[in-house]
Amino acid sequence: MLLCRSSTCFAPSFNAKTSQNLCSYFTKKTQLVSFSKNSPIFCSYSYLFAKPVKDSNFIGAHNLLMKKKATFCNSAISATSRSDEKAVGGNVVSKRLKKKVRRDAPEGVLRFKLDMCSKAGDVVEGLRLYDEARRNGVELNQHHYNVMLYLCSQNGGENGSDLKLICKRGFEIFQQMIIDKVPPNEATFTNAARLASVMEDPEMAFDLVKQMKGFGIMPKLRSYGPPLFGFCKKGMVDKAYEVDAHMIESGVVAEEPELSSLLKISADINNADKVYELLHRLRTSVRQVMESTVRVIEDWFKSEHAAKTGKENWDVIKVKEGVVRGGGGWHGQGWLGHGQWRVARTQMNKKGVCGSCGERLACIDIDPRETENFAISLSKLAFGREVQADFIQFQEWLQQHGPFDAVVDGANVSLINQQTFNFSQLNTVVNRLQDTSPSKKLPLVILHKSRVNGGPAQSPYNKKLLERWKNSGALYATPAGSNDDWYWLYAAVSCRCLLVTNDEMRDHLFQLLGTSFFPRWKEKHQVRLSVSRSGIALHMPPPYSIVIQESENGGWHVPTTTGDDLETPRKWLCATRPVK
């Protein structure tokens, strides 16, 4: 039910519990609908509120529509079942046939076409399909609406008039979703917030995010982007900080784009304490930063306000205690020193000595208890995704044959710069690791069972290699259907040894680990390879930590993401000032 009175729209909103009293939602003059669990949320805007509407006719009509829909669907499936029973001798409709019925229904056809529009970014065709579906009485579900909201929020047109028109349609579609009582999810709110952001209304975007919890929906990092970046763009620093605080309260961890935006707006208003806090948040969650973020940090250190900020006298003992407590590389005691900063782009030598200030970077300690807990968490995750008996068998085998000085991701090493599986390349790496090992023990090679039994493994030379490793207790073949990533990662962590792989371990599997310990562990244990005409080169972990570091005398060193290709030297930003 939709009642229009000048520029104000009224319609029933959702309620967590079924109720005959439907609370109306409110809109701005832009016609964007906002709603909450029980009642509209008060905002600073001059919203127009409607009184609660008791509309039993609406509910009755809705229920009648659902009953008709259910009857139609049951009839269609029943008809298909009868024809299918005749064809296959009385068997019930297969899942495949049921799926085909759903796919060929008007709702299924519309879903497919809208998904194609989403892939192509074709908002015009998407709007045409949407309008046609509504004219034909096709019942739209959550997915249909979310695709349309996404299309409208991502496609603003080539000029201002197109932008306003498409956003207006997006608001109308969002409004219609509420009228149709289609339950929203996180994507619904996020896309609606993006629509508000396109219209440069971060306040409305933030209101939508705040309403999510009332529906039992937890915001994601992407949900906070529209209001946060919108407030930062407008220079509304207090509101940006409010969004940041809401993120922290919701357990959402900001990543580099969010922290970089907050850092810039804080530097612009000369909020030295906030800049200091954000540098440490970058240190813990990002570690190495993009060039755009480096420029923000560099501009801060070159500013007049940064030169005036800092303690001329500080407690040296407290600073040293802070360094020890933090494991090295930072103290957290605030800005130290006074006067103009000396800012330079530089590099570190092999021992971690800065080419600009001559200071040696710290090798940040890894707590053995953290390593043990990490191995336990890995084991629990593997049990949930692998055949438990297979992984327990591997753990028992590892206890019997380990520990090892190094673990090799056999498949990854064999395929670096190769078109086919290269056992010779793998053997070169194994021999190199054995030569450099303190115990002269062969490293553990993890290979999938199919790599050990088939393909290139059948050649006489490769058979001898595999037999040698197997007899030495240095080869483990993971069972069919397993993911060998769990095996080589667990082996390296539990043995507290080197891991040889060029896998950057960034996919969904490793995201499950969800701990700040993992990147620190990789930095200290991962050995990467480069293969060229001159041969194979092993790139051992550096003797210092590649992470933003704060020195005991108040200096800062910030690593960039350049140099991750193993050949290009990593660039660092060095910011120091004279110590009196």
Protein backbone atom coordinates (compact mmCIF):
# COMPACT_ATOMS: atom_id res chain seq x y z
CA MET A 1 0.00 0.00 0.00
CA LEU A 2 1.46 3.37 -1.00
CA LEU A 3 -0.07 6.70 -0.05
CA CYS A 4 1.44 9.84 -1.51
CA ARG A 5 0.88 13.29 -0.04
CA SER A 6 2.94 16.01 -1.77
CA SER A 7 6.57 14.88 -1.42
CA THR A 8 6.03 12.46 1.45
CA CYS A 9 5.63 8.71 0.97
CA PHE A 10 4.11 6.29 3.47
CA ALA A 11 4.35 2.54 3.40
CA PRO A 12 4.50 -0.37 5.84
CA SER A 13 7.94 -1.24 7.19
CA PHE A 14 9.32 -4.52 8.48
CA ASN A 15 8.94 -5.67 12.02
CA ALA A 16 10.95 -8.47 13.59
CA LYS A 17 7.70 -10.03 14.80
CA THR A 18 4.49 -10.44 12.84
CA SER A 19 2.10 -7.71 13.83
CA GLN A 20 -1.17 -6.26 12.62
CA ASN A 21 0.21 -2.78 13.31
CA LEU A 22 2.48 -1.85 10.47
CA CYS A 23 4.76 1.06 11.26
CA SER A 24 5.25 3.40 8.35
CA TYR A 25 8.67 4.51 7.25
CA PHE A 26 9.79 7.96 6.30
CA THR A 27 11.62 9.54 3.41
CA LYS A 28 13.43 12.70 2.48
CA LYS A 29 12.44 14.78 -0.48
CA THR A 30 14.79 12.61 -2.53
CA GLN A 31 12.16 9.86 -1.98
CA LEU A 32 14.70 7.50 -0.31
CA VAL A 33 12.99 5.19 2.12
CA SER A 34 14.39 4.68 5.61
CA PHE A 35 13.04 2.24 8.11
CA SER A 36 13.81 0.60 11.41
CA LYS A 37 12.78 -2.37 13.52
CA ASN A 38 10.02 -0.70 15.47
CA SER A 39 10.00 3.00 14.70
CA PRO A 40 11.80 5.54 12.53
CA ILE A 41 15.24 6.66 13.74
CA PHE A 42 15.52 10.36 14.44
CA CYS A 43 18.00 12.17 12.20
CA SER A 44 19.16 15.75 11.93
CA TYR A 45 17.28 16.11 8.66
CA SER A 46 13.73 17.42 8.49
CA TYR A 47 12.17 14.04 7.83
CA LEU A 48 8.40 13.75 7.56
CA PHE A 49 6.98 11.03 9.75
CA ALA A 50 3.78 9.08 9.31
CA LYS A 51 1.64 7.71 12.06
CA PRO A 52 1.48 3.93 12.51
CA VAL A 53 -0.86 2.43 9.97
CA LYS A 54 -3.09 -0.46 10.86
CA ASP A 55 -3.66 -2.15 7.56
CA SER A 56 -5.18 -5.60 7.87
CA ASN A 57 -6.27 -5.38 4.24
CA PHE A 58 -2.64 -5.13 3.23
CA ILE A 59 -1.74 -8.28 5.14
CA GLY A 60 -4.77 -10.11 3.83
CA ALA A 61 -3.95 -9.19 0.25
CA HIS A 62 -0.35 -10.21 0.77
CA ASN A 63 -1.32 -13.59 2.24
CA LEU A 64 -3.81 -14.19 -0.57
CA LEU A 65 -1.12 -13.43 -3.12
CA MET A 66 1.26 -15.87 -1.42
CA LYS A 67 -1.39 -18.59 -1.35
CA LYS A 68 -2.09 -18.14 -5.06
CA LYS A 69 1.62 -18.21 -5.76
CA ALA A 70 2.08 -21.42 -3.76
CA THR A 71 -0.90 -23.04 -5.50
CA PHE A 72 0.47 -22.13 -8.91
CA CYS A 73 3.94 -23.49 -8.10
CA ASN A 74 2.54 -26.72 -6.62
CA SER A 75 0.38 -27.22 -9.70
CA ALA A 76 3.34 -26.71 -12.00
CA ILE A 77 5.53 -29.15 -10.08
CA SER A 78 2.67 -31.63 -9.75
CA ALA A 79 2.06 -31.55 -13.50
CA THR A 80 5.74 -32.08 -14.15
CA SER A 81 5.80 -34.91 -11.61
CA ARG A 82 2.95 -36.76 -13.34
CA SER A 83 4.58 -36.50 -16.76
CA ASP A 84 7.89 -37.54 -15.29
CA GLU A 85 6.36 -40.51 -13.51
CA LYS A 86 5.04 -41.80 -16.82
CA ALA A 87 8.47 -41.43 -18.41
CA VAL A 88 10.54 -43.10 -15.70
CA GLY A 89 8.13 -45.65 -14.31
CA GLY A 90 6.68 -43.92 -11.28
CA ASN A 91 9.80 -42.26 -9.86
CA VAL A 92 9.35 -38.89 -8.16
CA VAL A 93 10.50 -35.70 -9.79
CA SER A 94 14.28 -35.49 -9.66
CA LYS A 95 16.06 -32.54 -8.17
CA ARG A 96 17.26 -31.67 -11.65
CA LEU A 97 13.71 -31.37 -12.95
CA LYS A 98 12.66 -29.26 -9.95
CA LYS A 99 15.61 -27.00 -10.56
CA LYS A 100 14.61 -26.71 -14.22
CA VAL A 101 11.08 -25.71 -13.23
CA ARG A 102 12.44 -22.96 -11.00
CA ARG A 103 14.89 -21.81 -13.67
CA ASP A 104 12.25 -21.66 -16.39
CA ALA A 105 9.73 -19.81 -14.20
CA PRO A 106 9.40 -16.05 -14.87
CA GLU A 107 11.29 -15.31 -11.66
CA GLY A 108 14.17 -17.59 -12.72
CA VAL A 109 14.38 -16.10 -16.21
CA LEU A 110 14.42 -12.59 -14.75
CA ARG A 111 17.17 -13.54 -12.31
CA PHE A 112 19.37 -14.85 -15.11
CA LYS A 113 18.87 -11.75 -17.26
CA LEU A 114 19.53 -9.37 -14.37
CA ASP A 115 22.71 -11.26 -13.47
CA MET A 116 23.89 -10.77 -17.05
CA CYS A 117 23.17 -7.04 -16.75
CA SER A 118 25.13 -6.96 -13.49
CA LYS A 119 28.14 -8.58 -15.14
CA ALA A 120 27.99 -6.15 -18.06
CA GLY A 121 27.18 -3.12 -15.88
CA ASP A 122 24.14 -2.44 -18.07
CA VAL A 123 21.83 -0.41 -15.82
CA VAL A 124 19.59 0.71 -18.70
CA GLU A 125 18.71 -2.85 -19.69
CA GLY A 126 18.34 -3.79 -16.03
CA LEU A 127 15.80 -1.03 -15.48
CA ARG A 128 13.91 -2.08 -18.61
CA LEU A 129 13.72 -5.68 -17.39
CA TYR A 130 12.62 -4.52 -13.94
CA ASP A 131 9.83 -2.33 -15.33
CA GLU A 132 8.68 -5.10 -17.66
CA ALA A 133 8.57 -7.61 -14.80
CA ARG A 134 6.46 -5.32 -12.66
CA ARG A 135 4.02 -4.72 -15.52
CA ASN A 136 3.70 -8.48 -16.04
CA GLY A 137 3.14 -9.18 -12.35
CA VAL A 138 6.36 -11.15 -11.83
CA GLU A 139 7.02 -11.48 -8.10
CA LEU A 140 10.46 -10.09 -7.32
CA ASN A 141 12.58 -11.59 -4.55
CA GLN A 142 15.52 -10.35 -2.51
CA HIS A 143 18.07 -11.24 -5.20
CA HIS A 144 16.21 -9.33 -7.91
CA TYR A 145 16.04 -6.18 -5.79
CA ASN A 146 19.65 -6.40 -4.66
CA VAL A 147 20.91 -6.70 -8.23
CA MET A 148 18.90 -3.64 -9.24
CA LEU A 149 20.15 -1.63 -6.25
CA TYR A 150 23.71 -2.65 -7.09
CA LEU A 151 23.30 -1.62 -10.74
CA CYS A 152 21.87 1.78 -9.81
CA SER A 153 24.55 2.44 -7.20
CA GLN A 154 27.40 1.53 -9.57
CA ASN A 155 26.17 3.32 -12.71
CA GLY A 156 25.78 7.07 -12.46
CA GLY A 157 25.62 7.89 -16.15
CA GLU A 158 27.85 10.26 -18.06
CA ASN A 159 26.33 13.51 -16.83
CA GLY A 160 24.58 14.99 -13.82
CA SER A 161 21.05 14.49 -15.13
CA ASP A 162 21.66 10.79 -15.77
CA LEU A 163 23.16 10.48 -12.28
CA LYS A 164 20.10 11.98 -10.61
CA LEU A 165 17.69 9.96 -12.74
CA ILE A 166 19.35 6.61 -12.05
CA CYS A 167 19.70 7.34 -8.33
CA LYS A 168 16.04 8.35 -8.19
CA ARG A 169 15.11 5.02 -9.79
CA GLY A 170 17.31 3.24 -7.28
CA PHE A 171 15.51 4.94 -4.40
CA GLU A 172 12.15 3.98 -5.93
CA ILE A 173 13.23 0.36 -6.24
CA PHE A 174 14.40 0.36 -2.63
CA GLN A 175 11.05 1.80 -1.59
CA GLN A 176 9.17 -0.83 -3.60
CA MET A 177 11.17 -3.59 -1.93
CA ILE A 178 9.94 -2.40 1.45
CA ILE A 179 6.35 -2.08 0.23
CA ASP A 180 6.51 -5.65 -1.10
CA LYS A 181 7.76 -6.76 2.33
CA VAL A 182 10.81 -8.47 0.85
CA PRO A 183 13.26 -8.98 3.76
CA PRO A 184 16.54 -7.05 3.33
CA ASN A 185 20.02 -8.41 3.95
CA GLU A 186 23.49 -6.88 4.28
CA ALA A 187 23.79 -6.37 0.51
CA THR A 188 20.48 -4.48 0.48
CA PHE A 189 21.60 -1.96 3.07
CA THR A 190 25.10 -1.65 1.59
CA ASN A 191 23.79 -0.93 -1.90
CA ALA A 192 21.27 1.56 -0.52
CA ALA A 193 24.11 3.27 1.36
CA ARG A 194 26.07 3.41 -1.88
CA LEU A 195 23.12 5.09 -3.55
CA ALA A 196 23.11 7.74 -0.80
CA SER A 197 26.86 8.15 -1.27
CA VAL A 198 26.46 8.72 -5.00
CA MET A 199 24.07 11.52 -4.13
CA GLU A 200 26.76 12.86 -1.74
CA ASP A 201 24.65 12.21 1.33
CA PRO A 202 26.95 10.31 3.75
CA GLU A 203 24.62 11.08 6.67
CA MET A 204 21.86 9.04 5.05
CA ALA A 205 24.36 6.29 4.19
CA PHE A 206 25.42 6.09 7.84
CA ASP A 207 21.79 6.02 9.02
CA LEU A 208 21.19 2.97 6.84
CA VAL A 209 24.24 1.18 8.26
CA LYS A 210 23.14 1.92 11.83
CA GLN A 211 19.71 0.41 11.12
CA MET A 212 21.19 -2.95 10.11
CA LYS A 213 21.60 -4.26 13.66
CA GLY A 214 17.90 -3.68 14.32
CA PHE A 215 17.21 -6.32 11.68
CA GLY A 216 19.76 -8.74 13.12
CA ILE A 217 22.19 -7.99 10.28
CA MET A 218 25.87 -7.38 11.04
CA PRO A 219 27.51 -4.74 8.83
CA LYS A 220 30.59 -5.66 6.81
CA LEU A 221 33.59 -3.51 5.98
CA ARG A 222 32.05 -2.64 2.62
CA SER A 223 28.94 -1.36 4.41
CA TYR A 224 30.96 1.37 6.12
CA GLY A 225 32.75 2.57 2.99
CA PRO A 226 30.00 4.89 1.65
CA PRO A 227 29.54 6.93 4.86
CA LEU A 228 33.20 6.92 5.87
CA PHE A 229 34.62 8.01 2.53
CA GLY A 230 31.73 10.44 2.08
CA PHE A 231 32.42 12.19 5.40
CA CYS A 232 36.16 12.26 4.71
CA LYS A 233 35.56 13.79 1.28
CA LYS A 234 33.39 16.52 2.81
CA GLY A 235 35.89 17.15 5.62
CA MET A 236 33.35 16.15 8.29
CA VAL A 237 35.99 14.78 10.62
CA ASP A 238 33.81 14.20 13.71
CA LYS A 239 31.31 12.17 11.68
CA ALA A 240 34.17 10.19 10.10
CA TYR A 241 35.46 9.36 13.59
CA GLU A 242 31.93 8.33 14.57
CA VAL A 243 31.78 5.88 11.68
CA ASP A 244 35.19 4.52 12.70
CA ALA A 245 34.00 4.05 16.29
CA HIS A 246 30.87 2.25 15.04
CA MET A 247 33.08 -0.08 13.00
CA ILE A 248 35.20 -0.93 16.02
CA GLU A 249 32.09 -1.51 18.15
CA SER A 250 30.76 -3.88 15.47
CA GLY A 251 34.02 -5.84 15.36
CA VAL A 252 34.81 -4.73 11.79
CA VAL A 253 38.54 -4.24 11.17
CA ALA A 254 39.43 -1.29 8.94
CA GLU A 255 41.84 -1.96 6.09
CA GLU A 256 44.28 0.34 4.34
CA PRO A 257 41.79 2.43 2.27
CA GLU A 258 39.75 3.26 5.37
CA LEU A 259 42.77 3.93 7.61
CA SER A 260 44.44 6.01 4.90
CA SER A 261 41.35 8.22 4.53
CA LEU A 262 41.13 8.69 8.30
CA LEU A 263 44.85 9.43 8.42
CA LYS A 264 44.58 12.12 5.76
CA ILE A 265 41.62 13.92 7.32
CA SER A 266 43.36 13.78 10.72
CA ALA A 267 46.53 15.24 9.27
CA ASP A 268 44.54 17.95 7.49
CA ILE A 269 43.13 19.21 10.81
CA ASN A 270 46.49 18.72 12.60
CA ASN A 271 45.14 16.07 14.99
CA ALA A 272 48.55 14.72 16.00
CA ASP A 273 47.23 12.19 18.54
CA LYS A 274 44.89 10.65 15.98
CA VAL A 275 47.69 10.49 13.38
CA TYR A 276 49.84 8.65 15.92
CA GLU A 277 47.02 6.21 16.70
CA LEU A 278 46.32 5.52 13.02
CA LEU A 279 50.00 4.91 12.22
CA HIS A 280 50.00 2.18 14.84
CA ARG A 281 46.77 0.72 13.50
CA LEU A 282 48.39 0.58 10.06
CA ARG A 283 51.41 -1.09 11.67
CA THR A 284 49.32 -3.87 13.20
CA SER A 285 46.75 -4.53 10.47
CA VAL A 286 48.41 -3.48 7.20
CA ARG A 287 52.18 -3.59 7.86
CA GLN A 288 53.32 -2.44 4.37
CA VAL A 289 51.42 0.36 2.66
CA MET A 290 50.60 1.53 -0.84
CA GLU A 291 52.27 4.55 -2.42
CA SER A 292 49.13 6.67 -1.97
CA THR A 293 49.25 6.07 1.79
CA VAL A 294 52.99 6.76 1.91
CA ARG A 295 52.34 10.19 0.37
CA VAL A 296 49.79 10.97 3.10
CA ILE A 297 52.31 9.99 5.79
CA GLU A 298 55.08 11.91 4.06
CA ASP A 299 52.97 15.08 3.87
CA TRP A 300 52.26 14.82 7.59
CA PHE A 301 55.93 14.58 8.57
CA LYS A 302 56.76 17.54 6.32
CA SER A 303 54.04 19.73 7.84
CA GLU A 304 54.71 22.58 10.27
CA HIS A 305 52.37 21.12 12.86
CA ALA A 306 54.27 17.81 12.89
CA ALA A 307 57.48 19.77 13.56
CA LYS A 308 55.88 21.37 16.62
CA THR A 309 54.47 18.11 17.97
CA GLY A 310 56.42 15.90 20.36
CA LYS A 311 58.08 15.64 23.78
CA GLU A 312 61.46 17.32 24.19
CA ASN A 313 62.12 15.22 27.28
CA TRP A 314 60.83 11.70 27.82
CA ASP A 315 61.27 8.78 30.16
CA VAL A 316 63.88 6.58 28.46
CA ILE A 317 63.14 3.66 30.77
CA LYS A 318 59.42 3.71 29.92
CA VAL A 319 60.26 3.79 26.21
CA LYS A 320 62.59 0.79 26.54
CA GLU A 321 60.00 -1.09 28.59
CA GLY A 322 57.42 -0.36 25.91
CA VAL A 323 59.71 -1.77 23.22
CA VAL A 324 60.32 -4.97 25.18
CA ARG A 325 56.64 -5.37 26.02
CA GLY A 326 55.65 -4.95 22.36
CA GLY A 327 58.22 -7.45 21.08
CA GLY A 328 60.35 -4.80 19.37
CA GLY A 329 59.82 -2.26 16.62
CA TRP A 330 57.54 0.13 18.55
CA HIS A 331 57.01 1.62 22.00
CA GLY A 332 53.62 3.42 21.89
CA GLN A 333 54.71 6.28 24.17
CA GLY A 334 53.69 9.05 21.77
CA TRP A 335 55.65 11.48 19.59
CA LEU A 336 59.26 11.83 20.78
CA GLY A 337 61.52 14.76 19.95
CA HIS A 338 60.90 18.25 18.69
CA GLY A 339 61.70 20.18 15.54
CA GLN A 340 61.62 19.69 11.81
CA TRP A 341 61.45 16.12 10.55
CA ARG A 342 64.03 14.85 8.05
CA VAL A 343 62.04 12.83 5.51
CA ALA A 344 63.66 10.62 2.87
CA ARG A 345 62.86 7.71 0.56
CA THR A 346 65.43 4.99 1.11
CA GLN A 347 66.24 1.28 1.17
CA MET A 348 67.52 -1.20 3.74
CA ASN A 349 70.64 -3.29 3.29
CA LYS A 350 70.63 -7.04 3.87
CA LYS A 351 71.05 -6.56 7.60
CA GLY A 352 68.20 -4.07 7.86
CA VAL A 353 70.30 -0.92 8.21
CA CYS A 354 68.57 2.21 6.88
CA GLY A 355 70.41 3.88 4.02
CA SER A 356 69.25 7.31 5.20
CA CYS A 357 69.63 7.47 8.99
CA GLY A 358 71.85 4.44 9.58
CA GLU A 359 69.48 2.91 12.14
CA ARG A 360 69.06 -0.86 12.17
CA LEU A 361 65.50 -2.14 12.08
CA ALA A 362 64.23 -4.60 14.65
CA CYS A 363 63.42 -8.25 14.18
CA ILE A 364 60.09 -8.42 15.99
CA ASP A 365 59.79 -11.47 18.21
CA ILE A 366 57.16 -14.16 17.71
CA ASP A 367 55.79 -15.54 20.93
CA PRO A 368 56.23 -19.37 21.09
CA ARG A 369 52.84 -19.61 22.81
CA GLU A 370 51.24 -17.80 19.87
CA THR A 371 52.86 -20.31 17.50
CA GLU A 372 51.51 -23.23 19.52
CA ASN A 373 48.01 -21.74 19.62
CA PHE A 374 48.25 -21.06 15.89
CA ALA A 375 49.07 -24.72 15.21
CA ILE A 376 46.08 -25.79 17.31
CA SER A 377 43.72 -23.44 15.45
CA LEU A 378 45.05 -24.72 12.12
CA SER A 379 44.38 -28.27 13.21
CA LYS A 380 40.79 -27.46 14.20
CA LEU A 381 40.11 -25.72 10.88
CA ALA A 382 41.59 -28.65 8.95
CA PHE A 383 39.42 -31.12 10.87
CA GLY A 384 36.36 -29.21 9.73
CA ARG A 385 37.36 -29.29 6.05
CA GLU A 386 39.39 -32.45 5.57
CA VAL A 387 38.63 -36.09 6.33
CA GLN A 388 39.49 -36.07 10.02
CA ALA A 389 41.07 -39.55 9.98
CA ASP A 390 43.39 -38.50 7.12
CA PHE A 391 44.62 -35.40 8.92
CA ILE A 392 45.10 -37.25 12.22
CA GLN A 393 47.16 -39.82 10.33
CA PHE A 394 49.32 -36.99 8.95
CA GLN A 395 49.82 -35.51 12.43
CA GLU A 396 50.94 -38.91 13.73
CA TRP A 397 53.29 -39.34 10.76
CA LEU A 398 54.75 -35.88 11.40
CA GLN A 399 55.42 -36.70 15.05
CA GLN A 400 57.21 -39.88 13.99
CA HIS A 401 59.37 -38.39 11.20
CA GLY A 402 59.74 -34.76 12.27
CA PRO A 403 60.75 -32.17 13.12
CA PHE A 404 62.08 -30.72 9.86
CA ASP A 405 64.18 -27.63 9.15
CA ALA A 406 62.03 -26.78 6.13
CA VAL A 407 58.76 -27.77 4.47
CA VAL A 408 58.33 -27.54 0.68
CA ASP A 409 55.05 -26.88 -1.11
CA GLY A 410 55.97 -29.37 -3.83
CA ALA A 411 53.33 -28.45 -6.40
CA ASN A 412 53.98 -24.71 -6.15
CA VAL A 413 57.78 -25.06 -6.39
CA SER A 414 57.56 -27.49 -9.35
CA LEU A 415 55.38 -25.15 -11.42
CA ILE A 416 57.18 -21.81 -10.93
CA ASN A 417 57.86 -20.46 -14.46
CA GLN A 418 57.03 -23.93 -15.85
CA GLN A 419 54.32 -25.14 -18.21
CA THR A 420 54.39 -28.68 -16.81
CA PHE A 421 55.26 -30.25 -13.48
CA ASN A 422 59.06 -30.07 -13.16
CA PHE A 423 60.55 -32.58 -10.70
CA SER A 424 64.06 -31.50 -11.61
CA GLN A 425 63.34 -27.96 -10.39
CA LEU A 426 61.84 -29.35 -7.19
CA ASN A 427 64.90 -31.56 -6.65
CA THR A 428 67.26 -28.56 -7.04
CA VAL A 429 65.39 -26.72 -4.30
CA VAL A 430 65.37 -29.79 -2.03
CA ASN A 431 69.14 -30.26 -2.42
CA ARG A 432 69.81 -26.55 -1.83
CA LEU A 433 67.78 -26.62 1.38
CA GLN A 434 69.56 -29.76 2.58
CA ASP A 435 72.97 -28.14 1.99
CA THR A 436 72.02 -25.03 4.00
CA SER A 437 70.26 -26.96 6.78
CA PRO A 438 72.07 -27.01 10.14
CA SER A 439 71.20 -30.71 10.52
CA LYS A 440 71.80 -31.54 6.82
CA LYS A 441 68.41 -33.22 6.88
CA LEU A 442 66.19 -33.37 3.82
CA PRO A 443 63.25 -30.97 3.93
CA LEU A 444 59.71 -32.33 4.04
CA VAL A 445 58.14 -32.37 0.58
CA ILE A 446 54.32 -32.24 0.51
CA LEU A 447 52.74 -33.48 -2.72
CA HIS A 448 49.25 -34.55 -3.60
CA LYS A 449 48.83 -38.28 -4.16
CA SER A 450 48.03 -37.74 -7.84
CA ARG A 451 51.39 -35.97 -8.33
CA VAL A 452 53.23 -38.91 -6.77
CA ASN A 453 51.50 -41.65 -8.74
CA GLY A 454 50.69 -40.19 -12.14
CA GLY A 455 51.94 -38.01 -14.99
CA PRO A 456 55.63 -36.99 -14.88
CA ALA A 457 56.10 -39.06 -11.71
CA GLN A 458 56.11 -42.19 -13.89
CA SER A 459 59.43 -41.40 -15.56
CA PRO A 460 62.39 -43.50 -14.26
CA TYR A 461 64.34 -40.43 -13.08
CA ASN A 462 61.42 -38.99 -11.16
CA LYS A 463 60.54 -42.39 -9.69
CA LYS A 464 64.05 -42.58 -8.20
CA LEU A 465 63.71 -39.10 -6.73
CA LEU A 466 60.39 -39.91 -5.11
CA GLU A 467 61.67 -43.25 -3.82
CA ARG A 468 64.71 -41.53 -2.25
CA TRP A 469 62.58 -38.94 -0.49
CA LYS A 470 60.09 -41.56 0.65
CA ASN A 471 62.77 -43.86 2.08
CA SER A 472 64.31 -40.89 3.92
CA GLY A 473 60.98 -40.02 5.52
CA ALA A 474 60.93 -36.69 3.67
CA LEU A 475 57.89 -37.15 1.40
CA TYR A 476 54.24 -37.09 2.34
CA ALA A 477 51.52 -37.70 -0.25
CA THR A 478 48.22 -36.10 0.73
CA PRO A 479 45.18 -38.33 0.10
CA ALA A 480 42.74 -38.03 -2.80
CA GLY A 481 40.21 -35.24 -2.34
CA SER A 482 42.36 -33.37 0.17
CA ASN A 483 43.65 -29.79 0.03
CA ASP A 484 47.42 -30.02 0.46
CA ASP A 485 47.58 -26.38 1.64
CA TRP A 486 46.40 -27.46 5.09
CA TYR A 487 49.13 -30.09 5.27
CA TRP A 488 52.20 -28.03 4.34
CA LEU A 489 51.08 -25.03 6.38
CA TYR A 490 50.39 -27.13 9.48
CA ALA A 491 53.72 -28.95 9.10
CA ALA A 492 55.69 -25.69 8.86
CA VAL A 493 53.91 -24.11 11.83
CA SER A 494 54.11 -27.15 14.11
CA CYS A 495 57.79 -27.77 13.24
CA ARG A 496 58.52 -24.03 13.62
CA CYS A 497 60.60 -24.18 10.48
CA LEU A 498 60.93 -22.55 7.06
CA LEU A 499 58.15 -22.87 4.46
CA VAL A 500 59.22 -22.81 0.81
CA THR A 501 56.44 -21.56 -1.46
CA ASN A 502 55.56 -18.60 -3.65
CA ASP A 503 51.92 -18.93 -2.62
CA GLU A 504 51.11 -15.60 -0.95
CA MET A 505 48.39 -17.35 1.07
CA ARG A 506 45.76 -14.66 0.49
CA ASP A 507 42.77 -16.73 -0.69
CA HIS A 508 39.65 -17.61 1.28
CA LEU A 509 41.28 -20.60 2.98
CA PHE A 510 43.90 -18.45 4.68
CA GLN A 511 41.39 -15.69 5.42
CA LEU A 512 39.73 -18.19 7.74
CA LEU A 513 42.72 -17.92 10.06
CA GLY A 514 41.61 -14.42 11.01
CA THR A 515 44.61 -13.53 13.13
CA SER A 516 47.23 -10.81 13.07
CA PHE A 517 49.78 -13.50 13.94
CA PHE A 518 49.65 -15.09 10.47
CA PRO A 519 51.32 -12.26 8.49
CA ARG A 520 54.03 -11.99 11.15
CA TRP A 521 54.60 -15.73 10.96
CA LYS A 522 54.85 -15.63 7.15
CA GLU A 523 57.38 -12.83 7.31
CA LYS A 524 59.67 -14.86 9.55
CA HIS A 525 59.23 -18.28 7.95
CA GLN A 526 58.32 -18.05 4.26
CA VAL A 527 61.06 -18.66 1.68
CA ARG A 528 60.25 -17.50 -1.85
CA LEU A 529 61.83 -18.54 -5.14
CA SER A 530 62.74 -16.79 -8.35
CA VAL A 531 63.63 -18.73 -11.49
CA SER A 532 65.67 -17.13 -14.27
CA ARG A 533 68.26 -18.06 -16.89
CA SER A 534 70.95 -17.82 -14.24
CA GLY A 535 69.18 -20.45 -12.14
CA ILE A 536 67.03 -20.75 -9.05
CA ALA A 537 67.39 -18.24 -6.26
CA LEU A 538 66.05 -18.78 -2.73
CA HIS A 539 64.92 -15.58 -1.04
CA MET A 540 65.24 -16.22 2.68
CA PRO A 541 63.25 -14.28 5.29
CA PRO A 542 64.94 -10.96 6.09
CA PRO A 543 66.80 -10.56 9.43
CA TYR A 544 64.45 -7.66 10.21
CA SER A 545 60.67 -7.23 10.15
CA ILE A 546 59.15 -5.59 7.09
CA VAL A 547 56.55 -3.59 8.98
CA ILE A 548 56.04 0.02 10.05
CA GLN A 549 58.54 0.56 12.87
CA GLU A 550 58.85 3.22 15.56
CA SER A 551 62.34 3.59 17.03
CA GLU A 552 63.37 4.33 20.60
CA ASN A 553 64.57 7.81 19.62
CA GLY A 554 61.25 8.73 17.98
CA GLY A 555 62.01 7.97 14.32
CA TRP A 556 59.70 6.15 11.93
CA HIS A 557 60.31 3.75 9.04
CA VAL A 558 57.42 2.88 6.72
CA PRO A 559 57.76 0.06 4.13
CA THR A 560 55.88 0.25 0.83
CA THR A 561 54.28 -2.61 -1.08
CA THR A 562 56.72 -2.09 -3.97
CA GLY A 563 59.42 -4.73 -4.10
CA ASP A 564 57.09 -7.68 -3.50
CA ASP A 565 58.17 -9.23 -6.81
CA LEU A 566 61.50 -10.35 -5.23
CA GLU A 567 63.58 -8.50 -7.82
CA THR A 568 62.71 -4.84 -7.17
CA PRO A 569 64.29 -3.45 -3.96
CA ARG A 570 61.69 -2.40 -1.43
CA LYS A 571 61.32 1.33 -0.84
CA TRP A 572 61.03 2.75 2.67
CA LEU A 573 60.00 6.13 4.03
CA CYS A 574 62.40 7.28 6.73
CA ALA A 575 61.31 10.11 9.07
CA THR A 576 63.72 11.20 11.80
CA ARG A 577 64.69 14.36 13.62
CA PRO A 578 67.78 15.30 15.63
CA VAL A 579 67.91 13.85 19.14
CA LYS A 580 69.00 16.42 21.72
